[in-house]
Amino acid sequence: MNNQKQQKPTLTGQRFKTRKRDEKERFDPTQFQESIVQGLNQTGTDLEAVAKFLDASGAKLDYRRYAETLFDILVAGGMLAPGGTLSDDMTRTEFCLFTAQEDLETMQAYAQVFNKLIRRYKYLEKGFQEEIKKLLLFLKGFTESERNKLAMLVGILLANGNISAHILISLYNENLVKEGVSAAFAVKLFKSWINEKDINSVAGSLRKVGMDNRLMELFPANKRNCEHFSKYFTDAGLKELSDFARNQQSIGARKELQKELQELMSRGDPLKDIIVYVKEEMKKTNISEQLMISIVWTSVMSSVEWNKKEELVTEQAIKHLKQYSPLLNAFTSQGLSELTLLLKIQEYCYDNIHFMKAFQKIVVLLYKADVLSEEAILKWYTESHVAKGKSVFLEQMKKFVEWLKNAEEESESEEEDAD
């Protein structure tokens, strides 16, 4: 038996040892920076020439590798060190966004330069977004004038969809918020955005990235309320933004209230306790009775699993609404609230097909429970109804309305006889 180990085959030939840093070119933006700075110095303030120079340079220079350097130079004139200061040992140019004239027209022209560059070199899109987020974090390192120019530029870029509103997340940085930098920057940014488009553009973009409810976070916690936000932005000439934020907060409060209300109902809390809670919330959030009756109605109708059979759902609805009529009654002290409720009932019965035949029975029940008055029902019937299912519901109500009118006439007649 051969105990000797079998010799393993070996590769012959010369072997070269390489180190990883030799395999990949070391990051050295010096030459790249010098090329960009030289080109900007030659084109000067002619932004059309700048756009052409950047377009042509992309074929020769490594934009993909040095995207951050490129954007730093175009904005600040040179490479930025952490915190927003310019690196001392690098070449700079005086022809950049921060040294440009501080007006909207100039910033619109600069926005075009960035737009053309990114359209030409699509791969720069992500890097540009990251650059803007970084610049916003560096705001404290810039002068007021530099911040103003950057704010105007960002507002224009947001309005035209060149960047996502998600970049605004940088403004919620604790230090920027604490020192009032975020709010002041936001004023210039939103003015520029609304000037370029309108408040609907702002609202749509913020909703898209889930930031429509976060505007209050531009202020420190002790000032994070509707009153302070409203005054700050209204005084700055941005009442549209102030109204939008107030409306968003109100929508958020309504959703929370509706959720809580449904929980109280499903838990079976006494109606008197629910009424007290809702009235307190109504006062706290400054919600009108008309808005509150809409919330209450939606909560009442969402707190039960409805039968899918039309012949059974009416009976189920009557039983359910009879139980909750004191709750509805507590928030229909005004004629306008009664009309609001009637319209909500009409819309609900139209939108939920199984309820189409239940409308008249629901209205009669709420009339008998003193939730709806004859005045409100007659007003709804003659002029205040909406188009949804109008012919069906008016036909259902015809006999009851005639009865109401006759009862009213008899009552008037009795009063005259008594006189």
Protein backbone atom coordinates (compact mmCIF):
# COMPACT_ATOMS: atom_id res chain seq x y z
CA MET A 1 0.00 0.00 0.00
CA ASN A 2 1.40 3.34 -1.09
CA ASN A 3 1.33 5.78 1.87
CA GLN A 4 2.91 8.63 -0.08
CA LYS A 5 0.63 11.59 -0.73
CA GLN A 6 -0.22 12.11 -4.34
CA GLN A 7 1.35 15.35 -5.61
CA LYS A 8 -1.18 18.00 -6.62
CA PRO A 9 -0.87 19.49 -10.11
CA THR A 10 0.54 23.04 -10.22
CA LEU A 11 0.07 25.84 -12.71
CA THR A 12 3.22 26.97 -14.38
CA GLY A 13 4.05 30.44 -15.62
CA GLN A 14 4.83 33.79 -14.06
CA ARG A 15 2.40 35.22 -11.49
CA PHE A 16 2.01 38.94 -10.88
CA LYS A 17 0.81 40.12 -7.49
CA THR A 18 -1.56 43.12 -7.64
CA ARG A 19 -3.01 45.21 -4.86
CA LYS A 20 -6.70 46.21 -4.87
CA ARG A 21 -5.99 49.93 -4.90
CA ASP A 22 -3.97 49.46 -8.09
CA GLU A 23 -6.85 47.62 -9.73
CA LYS A 24 -9.27 50.55 -9.29
CA GLU A 25 -8.35 54.12 -10.08
CA ARG A 26 -8.04 56.15 -6.89
CA PHE A 27 -10.70 58.86 -6.39
CA ASP A 28 -8.90 62.08 -7.30
CA PRO A 29 -11.16 64.93 -8.40
CA THR A 30 -8.32 67.47 -8.82
CA GLN A 31 -7.96 67.18 -12.58
CA PHE A 32 -11.73 66.91 -13.07
CA GLN A 33 -12.28 70.03 -10.96
CA GLU A 34 -9.65 72.00 -12.85
CA SER A 35 -11.28 71.13 -16.19
CA ILE A 36 -14.76 72.21 -15.01
CA VAL A 37 -13.48 75.41 -13.33
CA GLN A 38 -11.49 76.37 -16.43
CA GLY A 39 -14.55 75.88 -18.65
CA LEU A 40 -16.77 77.95 -16.31
CA ASN A 41 -14.18 80.73 -16.15
CA GLN A 42 -14.16 80.88 -19.95
CA THR A 43 -17.96 80.94 -20.34
CA GLY A 44 -18.47 83.37 -17.43
CA THR A 45 -22.05 84.51 -16.89
CA ASP A 46 -23.30 83.28 -20.28
CA LEU A 47 -25.48 80.42 -19.05
CA GLU A 48 -26.27 79.15 -22.55
CA ALA A 49 -22.55 78.76 -23.14
CA VAL A 50 -22.26 77.02 -19.74
CA ALA A 51 -24.97 74.51 -20.75
CA LYS A 52 -23.17 73.81 -24.06
CA PHE A 53 -19.80 73.42 -22.31
CA LEU A 54 -21.29 70.93 -19.79
CA ASP A 55 -23.00 69.01 -22.58
CA ALA A 56 -19.76 68.64 -24.55
CA SER A 57 -17.59 67.90 -21.47
CA GLY A 58 -19.69 64.88 -20.53
CA ALA A 59 -18.15 62.98 -23.44
CA LYS A 60 -14.60 63.64 -22.19
CA LEU A 61 -14.92 63.84 -18.39
CA ASP A 62 -16.14 61.16 -15.97
CA TYR A 63 -19.44 62.72 -14.79
CA ARG A 64 -20.59 59.41 -13.35
CA ARG A 65 -17.60 59.16 -11.02
CA TYR A 66 -17.36 62.85 -10.10
CA ALA A 67 -21.06 63.84 -10.02
CA GLU A 68 -20.85 65.31 -6.50
CA THR A 69 -17.77 67.36 -7.43
CA LEU A 70 -19.50 68.64 -10.58
CA PHE A 71 -22.63 69.79 -8.70
CA ASP A 72 -20.58 71.32 -5.85
CA ILE A 73 -18.68 73.48 -8.39
CA LEU A 74 -21.85 74.54 -10.26
CA VAL A 75 -23.53 75.58 -7.00
CA ALA A 76 -20.70 76.83 -4.75
CA GLY A 77 -17.75 77.34 -7.11
CA GLY A 78 -15.61 74.52 -5.70
CA MET A 79 -15.70 71.31 -3.68
CA LEU A 80 -17.56 71.56 -0.38
CA ALA A 81 -16.13 70.21 2.84
CA PRO A 82 -18.52 68.75 5.47
CA GLY A 83 -20.60 71.60 6.91
CA GLY A 84 -20.70 73.60 3.69
CA THR A 85 -17.35 75.41 3.60
CA LEU A 86 -15.23 75.43 0.44
CA SER A 87 -12.10 73.25 0.45
CA ASP A 88 -9.04 75.52 0.71
CA ASP A 89 -6.64 73.44 -1.33
CA MET A 90 -8.77 73.17 -4.48
CA THR A 91 -9.25 75.32 -7.59
CA ARG A 92 -12.40 77.47 -7.54
CA THR A 93 -14.47 79.58 -9.90
CA GLU A 94 -16.33 82.83 -9.33
CA PHE A 95 -18.95 81.79 -11.88
CA CYS A 96 -21.50 79.66 -9.96
CA LEU A 97 -24.98 79.79 -8.45
CA PHE A 98 -23.80 81.31 -5.14
CA THR A 99 -22.10 84.28 -6.85
CA ALA A 100 -24.97 84.89 -9.30
CA GLN A 101 -27.48 87.70 -9.01
CA GLU A 102 -30.16 87.07 -6.36
CA ASP A 103 -33.36 87.21 -8.37
CA LEU A 104 -35.95 84.77 -9.68
CA GLU A 105 -35.11 85.25 -13.37
CA THR A 106 -31.44 84.35 -12.83
CA MET A 107 -32.41 81.30 -10.77
CA GLN A 108 -34.80 80.18 -13.53
CA ALA A 109 -31.89 80.37 -15.99
CA TYR A 110 -29.72 78.28 -13.63
CA ALA A 111 -32.55 75.74 -13.27
CA GLN A 112 -32.46 75.38 -17.07
CA VAL A 113 -28.71 74.61 -16.95
CA PHE A 114 -29.29 71.76 -14.47
CA ASN A 115 -32.35 70.56 -16.36
CA LYS A 116 -30.47 70.36 -19.70
CA LEU A 117 -27.49 68.63 -18.08
CA ILE A 118 -29.63 65.93 -16.41
CA ARG A 119 -31.78 65.42 -19.49
CA ARG A 120 -28.60 64.84 -21.49
CA TYR A 121 -26.96 62.56 -18.89
CA LYS A 122 -29.85 60.70 -17.25
CA TYR A 123 -27.53 58.81 -14.90
CA LEU A 124 -26.88 62.11 -13.04
CA GLU A 125 -30.51 62.27 -11.85
CA LYS A 126 -30.00 60.27 -8.64
CA GLY A 127 -26.72 62.04 -7.84
CA PHE A 128 -28.38 65.42 -8.28
CA GLN A 129 -31.16 64.50 -5.82
CA GLU A 130 -28.53 63.41 -3.28
CA GLU A 131 -26.60 66.65 -3.88
CA ILE A 132 -29.67 68.81 -3.11
CA LYS A 133 -30.36 66.81 0.07
CA LYS A 134 -26.74 67.35 1.12
CA LEU A 135 -26.83 71.09 0.33
CA LEU A 136 -29.94 71.48 2.49
CA LEU A 137 -28.11 69.85 5.40
CA PHE A 138 -25.24 72.35 4.88
CA LEU A 139 -27.53 75.43 5.03
CA LYS A 140 -25.95 76.80 8.23
CA GLY A 141 -22.58 76.95 6.46
CA PHE A 142 -23.93 79.26 3.73
CA THR A 143 -24.61 83.02 3.83
CA GLU A 144 -28.20 84.30 3.85
CA SER A 145 -27.89 85.34 0.20
CA GLU A 146 -26.55 81.90 -0.79
CA ARG A 147 -29.44 80.22 1.07
CA ASN A 148 -31.95 82.49 -0.70
CA LYS A 149 -30.58 81.61 -4.14
CA LEU A 150 -30.55 77.90 -3.33
CA ALA A 151 -34.14 78.11 -1.99
CA MET A 152 -35.36 79.82 -5.17
CA LEU A 153 -33.56 77.28 -7.37
CA VAL A 154 -34.94 74.30 -5.42
CA GLY A 155 -38.48 75.76 -5.57
CA ILE A 156 -38.25 76.09 -9.38
CA LEU A 157 -36.82 72.57 -9.77
CA LEU A 158 -39.61 71.13 -7.57
CA ALA A 159 -42.30 73.02 -9.49
CA ASN A 160 -41.06 71.59 -12.79
CA GLY A 161 -40.68 68.04 -11.49
CA ASN A 162 -36.87 67.99 -11.93
CA ILE A 163 -36.45 66.71 -8.36
CA SER A 164 -38.72 64.90 -5.91
CA ALA A 165 -40.24 66.66 -2.88
CA HIS A 166 -38.64 63.88 -0.82
CA ILE A 167 -35.44 66.00 -0.71
CA LEU A 168 -37.27 68.31 1.75
CA ILE A 169 -36.68 65.67 4.42
CA SER A 170 -33.27 67.35 4.98
CA LEU A 171 -35.07 70.46 6.26
CA TYR A 172 -36.33 68.46 9.25
CA ASN A 173 -32.77 68.21 10.58
CA GLU A 174 -32.97 69.07 14.29
CA ASN A 175 -30.26 71.77 14.25
CA LEU A 176 -31.71 73.55 11.21
CA VAL A 177 -35.20 73.50 12.72
CA LYS A 178 -34.02 74.65 16.15
CA GLU A 179 -32.22 77.73 14.77
CA GLY A 180 -35.09 78.76 12.47
CA VAL A 181 -33.07 78.09 9.32
CA SER A 182 -35.54 75.50 7.97
CA ALA A 183 -38.61 77.74 8.25
CA ALA A 184 -36.85 80.78 6.70
CA PHE A 185 -35.53 78.63 3.83
CA ALA A 186 -39.00 77.11 3.31
CA VAL A 187 -40.55 80.57 2.86
CA LYS A 188 -38.25 81.40 -0.09
CA LEU A 189 -38.60 77.88 -1.52
CA PHE A 190 -42.42 77.78 -1.45
CA LYS A 191 -42.72 81.35 -2.79
CA SER A 192 -40.55 80.37 -5.74
CA TRP A 193 -42.51 77.09 -6.23
CA ILE A 194 -45.95 78.77 -6.14
CA ASN A 195 -44.71 81.57 -8.42
CA GLU A 196 -43.62 78.94 -10.95
CA LYS A 197 -46.82 76.84 -10.67
CA ASP A 198 -49.47 77.08 -7.90
CA ILE A 199 -50.48 75.69 -4.48
CA ASN A 200 -52.04 72.61 -6.16
CA SER A 201 -48.62 71.67 -7.52
CA VAL A 202 -47.18 71.94 -3.98
CA ALA A 203 -50.05 69.91 -2.48
CA GLY A 204 -49.83 67.16 -5.12
CA SER A 205 -46.05 66.75 -4.81
CA LEU A 206 -46.12 66.68 -1.00
CA ARG A 207 -48.94 64.10 -0.96
CA LYS A 208 -47.04 61.93 -3.43
CA VAL A 209 -44.14 61.50 -1.00
CA GLY A 210 -46.29 61.45 2.16
CA MET A 211 -45.06 64.81 3.42
CA ASP A 212 -48.33 66.76 3.23
CA ASN A 213 -48.86 66.29 6.98
CA ARG A 214 -45.29 67.13 8.02
CA LEU A 215 -45.04 70.87 7.34
CA MET A 216 -45.42 71.68 11.05
CA GLU A 217 -42.08 69.93 11.63
CA LEU A 218 -40.32 72.96 10.13
CA PHE A 219 -40.69 74.47 13.61
CA PRO A 220 -39.35 73.36 17.01
CA ALA A 221 -41.73 71.25 19.14
CA ASN A 222 -42.81 74.23 21.32
CA LYS A 223 -43.93 76.16 18.20
CA ARG A 224 -45.33 73.21 16.27
CA ASN A 225 -48.98 74.28 16.15
CA CYS A 226 -51.44 75.56 13.59
CA GLU A 227 -51.58 79.10 15.01
CA HIS A 228 -47.81 79.68 14.86
CA PHE A 229 -47.49 78.08 11.42
CA SER A 230 -50.39 80.10 10.07
CA LYS A 231 -49.07 83.43 11.39
CA TYR A 232 -45.49 82.79 10.24
CA PHE A 233 -46.36 81.90 6.65
CA THR A 234 -49.27 84.35 6.31
CA ASP A 235 -47.00 87.20 7.48
CA ALA A 236 -44.45 86.04 4.89
CA GLY A 237 -47.09 86.34 2.13
CA LEU A 238 -47.87 82.61 1.89
CA LYS A 239 -51.47 82.43 3.07
CA GLU A 240 -52.17 79.65 0.52
CA LEU A 241 -49.58 77.42 2.19
CA SER A 242 -50.92 78.35 5.62
CA ASP A 243 -54.48 77.38 4.58
CA PHE A 244 -53.23 74.13 3.04
CA ALA A 245 -51.38 73.13 6.24
CA ARG A 246 -54.41 74.00 8.39
CA ASN A 247 -56.63 71.90 6.16
CA GLN A 248 -54.20 68.96 6.27
CA GLN A 249 -54.07 69.10 10.06
CA SER A 250 -57.85 69.23 10.20
CA ILE A 251 -58.12 66.18 7.90
CA GLY A 252 -55.64 64.31 10.14
CA ALA A 253 -57.61 65.26 13.27
CA ARG A 254 -60.89 64.15 11.67
CA LYS A 255 -59.46 60.77 10.70
CA GLU A 256 -58.15 60.21 14.23
CA LEU A 257 -61.48 61.25 15.73
CA GLN A 258 -63.44 58.95 13.43
CA LYS A 259 -61.15 56.04 14.29
CA GLU A 260 -61.52 56.68 18.03
CA LEU A 261 -65.29 57.06 17.72
CA GLN A 262 -65.59 53.70 15.96
CA GLU A 263 -63.51 52.07 18.70
CA LEU A 264 -65.77 53.51 21.44
CA MET A 265 -68.85 52.18 19.61
CA SER A 266 -67.41 48.74 19.00
CA ARG A 267 -66.41 48.60 22.67
CA GLY A 268 -70.02 49.38 23.62
CA ASP A 269 -69.29 52.54 25.66
CA PRO A 270 -72.41 54.35 26.98
CA LEU A 271 -73.77 56.91 24.49
CA LYS A 272 -73.67 59.73 27.05
CA ASP A 273 -69.90 59.17 27.50
CA ILE A 274 -69.36 59.13 23.72
CA ILE A 275 -71.32 62.40 23.37
CA VAL A 276 -69.21 64.08 26.07
CA TYR A 277 -65.99 62.88 24.39
CA VAL A 278 -67.06 64.09 20.91
CA LYS A 279 -68.14 67.50 22.24
CA GLU A 280 -64.78 67.95 23.96
CA GLU A 281 -62.93 67.01 20.74
CA MET A 282 -65.17 69.34 18.75
CA LYS A 283 -64.19 72.23 21.03
CA LYS A 284 -60.51 71.30 21.11
CA THR A 285 -60.12 70.95 17.33
CA ASN A 286 -62.51 73.79 16.46
CA ILE A 287 -64.62 71.55 14.20
CA SER A 288 -68.03 72.90 13.18
CA GLU A 289 -71.22 70.99 14.03
CA GLN A 290 -71.82 70.40 10.29
CA LEU A 291 -68.45 68.71 9.94
CA MET A 292 -68.96 66.79 13.17
CA ILE A 293 -72.33 65.33 12.13
CA SER A 294 -70.64 64.04 8.96
CA ILE A 295 -67.95 62.33 11.06
CA VAL A 296 -70.52 60.91 13.48
CA TRP A 297 -72.71 59.56 10.64
CA THR A 298 -69.72 57.90 8.93
CA SER A 299 -68.57 56.38 12.23
CA VAL A 300 -72.05 55.07 13.08
CA MET A 301 -72.43 53.46 9.66
CA SER A 302 -68.88 52.01 9.72
CA SER A 303 -69.25 50.42 13.15
CA VAL A 304 -71.34 47.48 11.93
CA GLU A 305 -71.08 44.66 9.37
CA TRP A 306 -74.05 45.15 7.02
CA ASN A 307 -76.16 42.35 5.61
CA LYS A 308 -75.70 41.90 1.84
CA LYS A 309 -79.40 41.20 1.26
CA GLU A 310 -81.46 44.29 0.44
CA GLU A 311 -84.60 43.01 2.20
CA LEU A 312 -82.69 42.44 5.45
CA VAL A 313 -80.36 45.45 5.47
CA THR A 314 -83.20 47.98 5.92
CA GLU A 315 -84.44 46.28 9.04
CA GLN A 316 -80.85 46.05 10.35
CA ALA A 317 -80.23 49.78 9.59
CA ILE A 318 -83.41 50.90 11.38
CA LYS A 319 -82.52 48.91 14.48
CA HIS A 320 -78.92 50.22 14.46
CA LEU A 321 -79.86 53.87 13.87
CA LYS A 322 -82.57 53.74 16.54
CA GLN A 323 -79.85 52.80 19.03
CA TYR A 324 -77.58 55.67 17.93
CA SER A 325 -80.24 58.35 17.33
CA PRO A 326 -79.35 60.17 20.63
CA LEU A 327 -75.77 60.53 19.34
CA LEU A 328 -76.96 61.95 16.02
CA ASN A 329 -79.41 64.20 17.85
CA ALA A 330 -76.60 65.70 19.95
CA PHE A 331 -74.97 67.13 16.81
CA THR A 332 -77.99 68.41 14.86
CA SER A 333 -78.93 71.43 16.94
CA GLN A 334 -78.71 73.67 13.84
CA GLY A 335 -80.82 73.50 10.67
CA LEU A 336 -77.65 73.42 8.57
CA SER A 337 -76.44 70.37 10.49
CA GLU A 338 -79.73 68.58 9.79
CA LEU A 339 -79.38 69.32 6.08
CA THR A 340 -75.77 68.10 6.16
CA LEU A 341 -76.96 64.85 7.72
CA LEU A 342 -79.72 64.44 5.10
CA LEU A 343 -77.19 64.88 2.31
CA LYS A 344 -74.84 62.36 3.95
CA ILE A 345 -77.73 59.85 4.18
CA GLN A 346 -78.58 60.45 0.50
CA GLU A 347 -74.97 59.94 -0.59
CA TYR A 348 -74.57 56.85 1.59
CA CYS A 349 -77.74 55.16 0.27
CA TYR A 350 -76.69 55.94 -3.30
CA ASP A 351 -73.09 54.73 -2.89
CA ASN A 352 -74.19 51.52 -1.10
CA ILE A 353 -76.60 49.88 -3.51
CA HIS A 354 -78.29 47.66 -0.85
CA PHE A 355 -79.49 50.83 0.90
CA MET A 356 -81.28 52.39 -2.12
CA LYS A 357 -84.73 51.33 -0.83
CA ALA A 358 -83.92 52.16 2.80
CA PHE A 359 -83.60 55.96 2.38
CA GLN A 360 -87.22 56.92 3.20
CA LYS A 361 -87.41 54.59 6.20
CA ILE A 362 -84.15 56.02 7.65
CA VAL A 363 -85.38 59.62 7.24
CA VAL A 364 -88.76 58.83 8.85
CA LEU A 365 -87.06 57.08 11.78
CA LEU A 366 -84.77 60.11 12.39
CA TYR A 367 -87.77 62.45 12.09
CA LYS A 368 -89.63 60.47 14.77
CA ALA A 369 -86.48 60.46 16.95
CA ASP A 370 -86.32 64.30 16.74
CA VAL A 371 -82.99 64.20 14.88
CA LEU A 372 -84.49 65.71 11.71
CA SER A 373 -87.12 68.46 11.66
CA GLU A 374 -89.87 68.84 9.07
CA GLU A 375 -88.30 72.17 7.95
CA ALA A 376 -85.00 70.44 7.10
CA ILE A 377 -86.75 67.57 5.28
CA LEU A 378 -88.91 69.96 3.22
CA LYS A 379 -85.89 72.13 2.38
CA TRP A 380 -83.92 69.05 1.30
CA TYR A 381 -86.88 67.86 -0.82
CA THR A 382 -87.54 71.17 -2.60
CA GLU A 383 -84.05 72.60 -3.16
CA SER A 384 -81.12 71.16 -1.20
CA HIS A 385 -80.84 67.58 -2.45
CA VAL A 386 -77.87 66.50 -4.58
CA ALA A 387 -77.98 64.70 -7.93
CA LYS A 388 -77.01 61.26 -6.57
CA GLY A 389 -80.12 59.05 -6.86
CA LYS A 390 -82.28 62.19 -6.88
CA SER A 391 -85.27 60.78 -8.82
CA VAL A 392 -85.38 57.55 -6.77
CA PHE A 393 -85.15 59.27 -3.39
CA LEU A 394 -87.58 62.10 -4.20
CA GLU A 395 -90.10 59.52 -5.36
CA GLN A 396 -89.61 57.53 -2.11
CA MET A 397 -90.16 60.70 -0.06
CA LYS A 398 -93.16 62.03 -2.00
CA LYS A 399 -95.95 60.64 0.23
CA PHE A 400 -94.16 61.50 3.48
CA VAL A 401 -93.48 65.07 2.28
CA GLU A 402 -97.16 65.47 1.33
CA TRP A 403 -98.11 64.25 4.80
CA LEU A 404 -95.68 66.76 6.35
CA LYS A 405 -97.12 69.62 4.29
CA ASN A 406 -100.69 68.67 5.23
CA ALA A 407 -99.74 68.41 8.90
CA GLU A 408 -98.13 71.85 8.65
CA GLU A 409 -101.23 73.35 7.01
CA GLU A 410 -103.52 71.79 9.63
CA SER A 411 -101.31 73.16 12.38
CA GLU A 412 -101.45 76.66 10.85
CA SER A 413 -105.23 76.35 10.47
CA GLU A 414 -105.61 75.34 14.14
CA GLU A 415 -103.49 78.32 15.20
CA GLU A 416 -105.69 80.71 13.19
CA ASP A 417 -108.87 79.25 14.76
CA ALA A 418 -107.39 79.67 18.21
CA ASP A 419 -106.68 83.36 17.46
